[in-house]
PDB file of N, CA and C in Angstrom:
ATOM      1  N   MET A   1      13.487 150.607  43.760  1.00  0.00           N
ATOM      2  CA  MET A   1      12.440 149.672  43.380  1.00  0.00           C
ATOM      3  C   MET A   1      11.221 150.465  42.938  1.00  0.00           C
ATOM      4  N   SER A   2      10.571 150.044  41.901  1.00  0.00           N
ATOM      5  CA  SER A   2       9.396 150.746  41.394  1.00  0.00           C
ATOM      6  C   SER A   2       8.203 150.511  42.304  1.00  0.00           C
ATOM      7  N   ASP A   3       7.204 151.376  42.159  1.00  0.00           N
ATOM      8  CA  ASP A   3       5.981 151.242  42.943  1.00  0.00           C
ATOM      9  C   ASP A   3       5.326 149.887  42.692  1.00  0.00           C
ATOM     10  N   GLN A   4       5.306 149.461  41.453  1.00  0.00           N
ATOM     11  CA  GLN A   4       4.700 148.171  41.106  1.00  0.00           C
ATOM     12  C   GLN A   4       5.454 147.024  41.770  1.00  0.00           C
ATOM     13  N   GLY A   5       6.776 147.123  41.824  1.00  0.00           N
ATOM     14  CA  GLY A   5       7.565 146.049  42.418  1.00  0.00           C
ATOM     15  C   GLY A   5       7.390 145.939  43.913  1.00  0.00           C
ATOM     16  N   SER A   6       7.104 147.042  44.585  1.00  0.00           N
ATOM     17  CA  SER A   6       6.957 146.995  46.034  1.00  0.00           C
ATOM     18  C   SER A   6       5.531 146.692  46.465  1.00  0.00           C
ATOM     19  N   ARG A   7       4.588 146.753  45.574  1.00  0.00           N
ATOM     20  CA  ARG A   7       3.184 146.517  45.907  1.00  0.00           C
ATOM     21  C   ARG A   7       3.001 145.088  46.419  1.00  0.00           C
ATOM     22  N   GLY A   8       2.203 144.958  47.469  1.00  0.00           N
ATOM     23  CA  GLY A   8       1.891 143.636  47.979  1.00  0.00           C
ATOM     24  C   GLY A   8       2.882 143.126  49.007  1.00  0.00           C
ATOM     25  N   GLN A   9       3.906 143.898  49.335  1.00  0.00           N
ATOM     26  CA  GLN A   9       4.882 143.437  50.303  1.00  0.00           C
ATOM     27  C   GLN A   9       4.558 143.885  51.720  1.00  0.00           C
ATOM     28  N   ALA A  10       3.690 144.863  51.872  1.00  0.00           N
ATOM     29  CA  ALA A  10       3.268 145.308  53.198  1.00  0.00           C
ATOM     30  C   ALA A  10       2.075 144.476  53.646  1.00  0.00           C
ATOM     31  N   PRO A  11       1.890 144.336  54.964  1.00  0.00           N
ATOM     32  CA  PRO A  11       0.720 143.592  55.449  1.00  0.00           C
ATOM     33  C   PRO A  11      -0.581 144.209  54.941  1.00  0.00           C
ATOM     34  N   ALA A  12      -1.548 143.358  54.684  1.00  0.00           N
ATOM     35  CA  ALA A  12      -2.875 143.794  54.252  1.00  0.00           C
ATOM     36  C   ALA A  12      -3.903 142.829  54.818  1.00  0.00           C
ATOM     37  N   ARG A  13      -5.101 143.319  55.015  1.00  0.00           N
ATOM     38  CA  ARG A  13      -6.196 142.467  55.500  1.00  0.00           C
ATOM     39  C   ARG A  13      -6.886 141.849  54.287  1.00  0.00           C
ATOM     40  N   TYR A  14      -7.022 140.529  54.328  1.00  0.00           N
ATOM     41  CA  TYR A  14      -7.625 139.784  53.226  1.00  0.00           C
ATOM     42  C   TYR A  14      -8.861 139.049  53.700  1.00  0.00           C
ATOM     43  N   GLU A  15      -9.737 138.779  52.733  1.00  0.00           N
ATOM     44  CA  GLU A  15     -10.912 137.944  52.975  1.00  0.00           C
ATOM     45  C   GLU A  15     -10.924 136.862  51.902  1.00  0.00           C
ATOM     46  N   LEU A  16     -10.844 135.613  52.340  1.00  0.00           N
ATOM     47  CA  LEU A  16     -10.930 134.465  51.437  1.00  0.00           C
ATOM     48  C   LEU A  16     -12.256 133.777  51.698  1.00  0.00           C
ATOM     49  N   ARG A  17     -12.969 133.434  50.647  1.00  0.00           N
ATOM     50  CA  ARG A  17     -14.240 132.731  50.793  1.00  0.00           C
ATOM     51  C   ARG A  17     -14.110 131.358  50.168  1.00  0.00           C
ATOM     52  N   ILE A  18     -14.499 130.338  50.921  1.00  0.00           N
ATOM     53  CA  ILE A  18     -14.447 128.969  50.406  1.00  0.00           C
ATOM     54  C   ILE A  18     -15.807 128.310  50.560  1.00  0.00           C
ATOM     55  N   ASP A  19     -16.022 127.304  49.734  1.00  0.00           N
ATOM     56  CA  ASP A  19     -17.278 126.566  49.748  1.00  0.00           C
ATOM     57  C   ASP A  19     -17.301 125.636  50.948  1.00  0.00           C
ATOM     58  N   GLY A  20     -18.415 125.594  51.637  1.00  0.00           N
ATOM     59  CA  GLY A  20     -18.587 124.704  52.788  1.00  0.00           C
ATOM     60  C   GLY A  20     -18.231 125.395  54.097  1.00  0.00           C
ATOM     61  N   HIS A  21     -18.578 124.738  55.192  1.00  0.00           N
ATOM     62  CA  HIS A  21     -18.277 125.254  56.520  1.00  0.00           C
ATOM     63  C   HIS A  21     -17.109 124.489  57.108  1.00  0.00           C
ATOM     64  N   LEU A  22     -16.045 125.214  57.465  1.00  0.00           N
ATOM     65  CA  LEU A  22     -14.895 124.609  58.132  1.00  0.00           C
ATOM     66  C   LEU A  22     -15.112 124.635  59.638  1.00  0.00           C
ATOM     67  N   ASP A  23     -14.662 123.585  60.324  1.00  0.00           N
ATOM     68  CA  ASP A  23     -14.711 123.572  61.779  1.00  0.00           C
ATOM     69  C   ASP A  23     -13.745 124.614  62.328  1.00  0.00           C
ATOM     70  N   ASP A  24     -14.043 125.106  63.520  1.00  0.00           N
ATOM     71  CA  ASP A  24     -13.217 126.141  64.138  1.00  0.00           C
ATOM     72  C   ASP A  24     -11.786 125.672  64.419  1.00  0.00           C
ATOM     73  N   HIS A  25     -11.555 124.367  64.524  1.00  0.00           N
ATOM     74  CA  HIS A  25     -10.201 123.899  64.820  1.00  0.00           C
ATOM     75  C   HIS A  25      -9.221 124.198  63.676  1.00  0.00           C
ATOM     76  N   TRP A  26      -9.710 124.591  62.508  1.00  0.00           N
ATOM     77  CA  TRP A  26      -8.841 124.957  61.388  1.00  0.00           C
ATOM     78  C   TRP A  26      -8.251 126.354  61.544  1.00  0.00           C
ATOM     79  N   THR A  27      -8.728 127.130  62.514  1.00  0.00           N
ATOM     80  CA  THR A  27      -8.240 128.495  62.702  1.00  0.00           C
ATOM     81  C   THR A  27      -6.723 128.540  62.851  1.00  0.00           C
ATOM     82  N   ALA A  28      -6.163 127.702  63.686  1.00  0.00           N
ATOM     83  CA  ALA A  28      -4.705 127.694  63.898  1.00  0.00           C
ATOM     84  C   ALA A  28      -3.964 127.334  62.616  1.00  0.00           C
ATOM     85  N   TRP A  29      -4.495 126.392  61.839  1.00  0.00           N
ATOM     86  CA  TRP A  29      -3.839 125.975  60.598  1.00  0.00           C
ATOM     87  C   TRP A  29      -3.824 127.106  59.580  1.00  0.00           C
ATOM     88  N   PHE A  30      -4.844 127.955  59.629  1.00  0.00           N
ATOM     89  CA  PHE A  30      -4.929 129.096  58.727  1.00  0.00           C
ATOM     90  C   PHE A  30      -4.358 130.357  59.378  1.00  0.00           C
ATOM     91  N   ASP A  31      -3.276 130.203  60.118  1.00  0.00           N
ATOM     92  CA  ASP A  31      -2.526 131.327  60.692  1.00  0.00           C
ATOM     93  C   ASP A  31      -3.404 132.270  61.502  1.00  0.00           C
ATOM     94  N   ASP A  32      -4.318 131.689  62.262  1.00  0.00           N
ATOM     95  CA  ASP A  32      -5.195 132.446  63.157  1.00  0.00           C
ATOM     96  C   ASP A  32      -6.095 133.460  62.459  1.00  0.00           C
ATOM     97  N   LEU A  33      -6.441 133.202  61.200  1.00  0.00           N
ATOM     98  CA  LEU A  33      -7.452 134.017  60.544  1.00  0.00           C
ATOM     99  C   LEU A  33      -8.790 133.739  61.218  1.00  0.00           C
ATOM    100  N   THR A  34      -9.687 134.699  61.171  1.00  0.00           N
ATOM    101  CA  THR A  34     -11.028 134.512  61.723  1.00  0.00           C
ATOM    102  C   THR A  34     -11.874 133.742  60.724  1.00  0.00           C
ATOM    103  N   LEU A  35     -12.475 132.642  61.174  1.00  0.00           N
ATOM    104  CA  LEU A  35     -13.360 131.841  60.328  1.00  0.00           C
ATOM    105  C   LEU A  35     -14.801 132.174  60.680  1.00  0.00           C
ATOM    106  N   THR A  36     -15.582 132.526  59.664  1.00  0.00           N
ATOM    107  CA  THR A  36     -16.992 132.846  59.863  1.00  0.00           C
ATOM    108  C   THR A  36     -17.832 131.977  58.951  1.00  0.00           C
ATOM    109  N   HIS A  37     -18.796 131.269  59.536  1.00  0.00           N
ATOM    110  CA  HIS A  37     -19.726 130.454  58.749  1.00  0.00           C
ATOM    111  C   HIS A  37     -20.830 131.360  58.230  1.00  0.00           C
ATOM    112  N   GLU A  38     -20.931 131.457  56.930  1.00  0.00           N
ATOM    113  CA  GLU A  38     -21.949 132.304  56.313  1.00  0.00           C
ATOM    114  C   GLU A  38     -23.235 131.504  56.089  1.00  0.00           C
ATOM    115  N   ASN A  39     -24.363 132.197  56.006  1.00  0.00           N
ATOM    116  CA  ASN A  39     -25.666 131.551  55.817  1.00  0.00           C
ATOM    117  C   ASN A  39     -25.801 130.850  54.478  1.00  0.00           C
ATOM    118  N   ASP A  40     -24.963 131.224  53.510  1.00  0.00           N
ATOM    119  CA  ASP A  40     -25.050 130.608  52.184  1.00  0.00           C
ATOM    120  C   ASP A  40     -24.249 129.314  52.070  1.00  0.00           C
ATOM    121  N   GLY A  41     -23.720 128.822  53.207  1.00  0.00           N
ATOM    122  CA  GLY A  41     -22.984 127.559  53.190  1.00  0.00           C
ATOM    123  C   GLY A  41     -21.502 127.718  52.919  1.00  0.00           C
ATOM    124  N   THR A  42     -21.001 128.942  52.942  1.00  0.00           N
ATOM    125  CA  THR A  42     -19.579 129.175  52.723  1.00  0.00           C
ATOM    126  C   THR A  42     -18.904 129.543  54.039  1.00  0.00           C
ATOM    127  N   THR A  43     -17.581 129.542  54.029  1.00  0.00           N
ATOM    128  CA  THR A  43     -16.788 130.012  55.163  1.00  0.00           C
ATOM    129  C   THR A  43     -15.949 131.178  54.683  1.00  0.00           C
ATOM    130  N   THR A  44     -15.931 132.242  55.474  1.00  0.00           N
ATOM    131  CA  THR A  44     -15.077 133.386  55.197  1.00  0.00           C
ATOM    132  C   THR A  44     -13.904 133.347  56.160  1.00  0.00           C
ATOM    133  N   LEU A  45     -12.694 133.441  55.613  1.00  0.00           N
ATOM    134  CA  LEU A  45     -11.475 133.533  56.400  1.00  0.00           C
ATOM    135  C   LEU A  45     -10.981 134.964  56.259  1.00  0.00           C
ATOM    136  N   CYS A  46     -10.792 135.640  57.374  1.00  0.00           N
ATOM    137  CA  CYS A  46     -10.445 137.051  57.323  1.00  0.00           C
ATOM    138  C   CYS A  46      -9.320 137.339  58.307  1.00  0.00           C
ATOM    139  N   GLY A  47      -8.350 138.149  57.862  1.00  0.00           N
ATOM    140  CA  GLY A  47      -7.295 138.554  58.765  1.00  0.00           C
ATOM    141  C   GLY A  47      -6.145 139.208  58.047  1.00  0.00           C
ATOM    142  N   LEU A  48      -5.169 139.612  58.848  1.00  0.00           N
ATOM    143  CA  LEU A  48      -3.988 140.280  58.340  1.00  0.00           C
ATOM    144  C   LEU A  48      -3.026 139.250  57.753  1.00  0.00           C
ATOM    145  N   VAL A  49      -2.588 139.515  56.536  1.00  0.00           N
ATOM    146  CA  VAL A  49      -1.620 138.648  55.850  1.00  0.00           C
ATOM    147  C   VAL A  49      -0.365 139.492  55.653  1.00  0.00           C
ATOM    148  N   PRO A  50       0.780 139.026  56.169  1.00  0.00           N
ATOM    149  CA  PRO A  50       1.978 139.863  56.185  1.00  0.00           C
ATOM    150  C   PRO A  50       2.541 140.253  54.819  1.00  0.00           C
ATOM    151  N   ASP A  51       2.442 139.352  53.842  1.00  0.00           N
ATOM    152  CA  ASP A  51       3.018 139.652  52.526  1.00  0.00           C
ATOM    153  C   ASP A  51       2.490 138.653  51.500  1.00  0.00           C
ATOM    154  N   GLN A  52       2.917 138.796  50.261  1.00  0.00           N
ATOM    155  CA  GLN A  52       2.441 137.930  49.179  1.00  0.00           C
ATOM    156  C   GLN A  52       2.856 136.473  49.376  1.00  0.00           C
ATOM    157  N   ALA A  53       4.020 136.245  49.947  1.00  0.00           N
ATOM    158  CA  ALA A  53       4.452 134.865  50.203  1.00  0.00           C
ATOM    159  C   ALA A  53       3.483 134.186  51.173  1.00  0.00           C
ATOM    160  N   ALA A  54       3.061 134.903  52.206  1.00  0.00           N
ATOM    161  CA  ALA A  54       2.099 134.347  53.164  1.00  0.00           C
ATOM    162  C   ALA A  54       0.747 134.111  52.494  1.00  0.00           C
ATOM    163  N   LEU A  55       0.347 135.015  51.608  1.00  0.00           N
ATOM    164  CA  LEU A  55      -0.915 134.833  50.887  1.00  0.00           C
ATOM    165  C   LEU A  55      -0.862 133.567  50.034  1.00  0.00           C
ATOM    166  N   HIS A  56       0.230 133.366  49.343  1.00  0.00           N
ATOM    167  CA  HIS A  56       0.367 132.158  48.532  1.00  0.00           C
ATOM    168  C   HIS A  56       0.376 130.904  49.409  1.00  0.00           C
ATOM    169  N   GLY A  57       0.938 131.016  50.606  1.00  0.00           N
ATOM    170  CA  GLY A  57       0.895 129.896  51.548  1.00  0.00           C
ATOM    171  C   GLY A  57      -0.528 129.567  51.967  1.00  0.00           C
ATOM    172  N   LEU A  58      -1.342 130.600  52.214  1.00  0.00           N
ATOM    173  CA  LEU A  58      -2.751 130.381  52.558  1.00  0.00           C
ATOM    174  C   LEU A  58      -3.507 129.728  51.408  1.00  0.00           C
ATOM    175  N   LEU A  59      -3.241 130.200  50.192  1.00  0.00           N
ATOM    176  CA  LEU A  59      -3.899 129.609  49.018  1.00  0.00           C
ATOM    177  C   LEU A  59      -3.501 128.144  48.855  1.00  0.00           C
ATOM    178  N   ALA A  60      -2.260 127.824  49.152  1.00  0.00           N
ATOM    179  CA  ALA A  60      -1.809 126.429  49.077  1.00  0.00           C
ATOM    180  C   ALA A  60      -2.522 125.577  50.124  1.00  0.00           C
ATOM    181  N   LYS A  61      -2.772 126.145  51.299  1.00  0.00           N
ATOM    182  CA  LYS A  61      -3.488 125.402  52.341  1.00  0.00           C
ATOM    183  C   LYS A  61      -4.926 125.111  51.912  1.00  0.00           C
ATOM    184  N   VAL A  62      -5.566 126.106  51.284  1.00  0.00           N
ATOM    185  CA  VAL A  62      -6.925 125.883  50.766  1.00  0.00           C
ATOM    186  C   VAL A  62      -6.893 124.745  49.748  1.00  0.00           C
ATOM    187  N   ARG A  63      -5.906 124.778  48.861  1.00  0.00           N
ATOM    188  CA  ARG A  63      -5.754 123.718  47.857  1.00  0.00           C
ATOM    189  C   ARG A  63      -5.523 122.366  48.523  1.00  0.00           C
ATOM    190  N   ASP A  64      -4.609 122.318  49.487  1.00  0.00           N
ATOM    191  CA  ASP A  64      -4.278 121.062  50.160  1.00  0.00           C
ATOM    192  C   ASP A  64      -5.463 120.493  50.927  1.00  0.00           C
ATOM    193  N   LEU A  65      -6.319 121.374  51.408  1.00  0.00           N
ATOM    194  CA  LEU A  65      -7.525 120.947  52.119  1.00  0.00           C
ATOM    195  C   LEU A  65      -8.554 120.356  51.160  1.00  0.00           C
ATOM    196  N   GLY A  66      -8.418 120.695  49.880  1.00  0.00           N
ATOM    197  CA  GLY A  66      -9.372 120.216  48.879  1.00  0.00           C
ATOM    198  C   GLY A  66     -10.621 121.071  48.836  1.00  0.00           C
ATOM    199  N   ALA A  67     -10.552 122.256  49.435  1.00  0.00           N
ATOM    200  CA  ALA A  67     -11.707 123.159  49.464  1.00  0.00           C
ATOM    201  C   ALA A  67     -11.785 123.948  48.160  1.00  0.00           C
ATOM    202  N   THR A  68     -12.979 124.322  47.790  1.00  0.00           N
ATOM    203  CA  THR A  68     -13.189 125.141  46.608  1.00  0.00           C
ATOM    204  C   THR A  68     -13.078 126.606  46.984  1.00  0.00           C
ATOM    205  N   LEU A  69     -12.109 127.302  46.397  1.00  0.00           N
ATOM    206  CA  LEU A  69     -11.917 128.723  46.644  1.00  0.00           C
ATOM    207  C   LEU A  69     -12.912 129.509  45.793  1.00  0.00           C
ATOM    208  N   ILE A  70     -13.700 130.348  46.433  1.00  0.00           N
ATOM    209  CA  ILE A  70     -14.699 131.144  45.731  1.00  0.00           C
ATOM    210  C   ILE A  70     -14.151 132.525  45.398  1.00  0.00           C
ATOM    211  N   SER A  71     -13.482 133.162  46.378  1.00  0.00           N
ATOM    212  CA  SER A  71     -12.956 134.499  46.122  1.00  0.00           C
ATOM    213  C   SER A  71     -11.828 134.839  47.085  1.00  0.00           C
ATOM    214  N   VAL A  72     -11.006 135.782  46.650  1.00  0.00           N
ATOM    215  CA  VAL A  72      -9.948 136.375  47.463  1.00  0.00           C
ATOM    216  C   VAL A  72     -10.056 137.871  47.264  1.00  0.00           C
ATOM    217  N   GLU A  73     -10.121 138.614  48.372  1.00  0.00           N
ATOM    218  CA  GLU A  73     -10.293 140.053  48.244  1.00  0.00           C
ATOM    219  C   GLU A  73      -9.451 140.767  49.293  1.00  0.00           C
ATOM    220  N   VAL A  74      -8.776 141.823  48.868  1.00  0.00           N
ATOM    221  CA  VAL A  74      -8.085 142.709  49.806  1.00  0.00           C
ATOM    222  C   VAL A  74      -9.151 143.634  50.367  1.00  0.00           C
ATOM    223  N   ILE A  75      -9.290 143.651  51.696  1.00  0.00           N
ATOM    224  CA  ILE A  75     -10.329 144.503  52.285  1.00  0.00           C
ATOM    225  C   ILE A  75      -9.744 145.697  53.021  1.00  0.00           C
ATOM    226  N   ASP A  76      -8.445 145.706  53.225  1.00  0.00           N
ATOM    227  CA  ASP A  76      -7.796 146.833  53.879  1.00  0.00           C
ATOM    228  C   ASP A  76      -6.337 146.847  53.468  1.00  0.00           C
ATOM    229  N   ALA A  77      -6.051 147.492  52.356  1.00  0.00           N
ATOM    230  CA  ALA A  77      -4.684 147.542  51.844  1.00  0.00           C
ATOM    231  C   ALA A  77      -3.972 148.769  52.380  1.00  0.00           C
ATOM    232  N   PRO A  78      -2.656 148.642  52.605  1.00  0.00           N
ATOM    233  CA  PRO A  78      -1.896 149.821  53.037  1.00  0.00           C
ATOM    234  C   PRO A  78      -1.817 150.838  51.899  1.00  0.00           C
ATOM    235  N   ASP A  79      -1.629 152.092  52.258  1.00  0.00           N
ATOM    236  CA  ASP A  79      -1.513 153.145  51.240  1.00  0.00           C
ATOM    237  C   ASP A  79      -0.174 153.078  50.537  1.00  0.00           C
TER     238      ASP A  79
END
């Protein structure tokens, strides 16, 4: 398998930012990511995501919630 094909399959720490403040009870629904209410009125979801399939599942949950996704960032990728 090429390097490009294997990229994204190892766990990585991600940070998703959404518009608005989510209640803490959403933590379990978002696979136990840490939810932080930011001063600018956004919520940051941060945590380890096992693979790209799990990341797409998280993005689908944001969509299903009707929340506005502001950004997705890898903050600690494996080498």
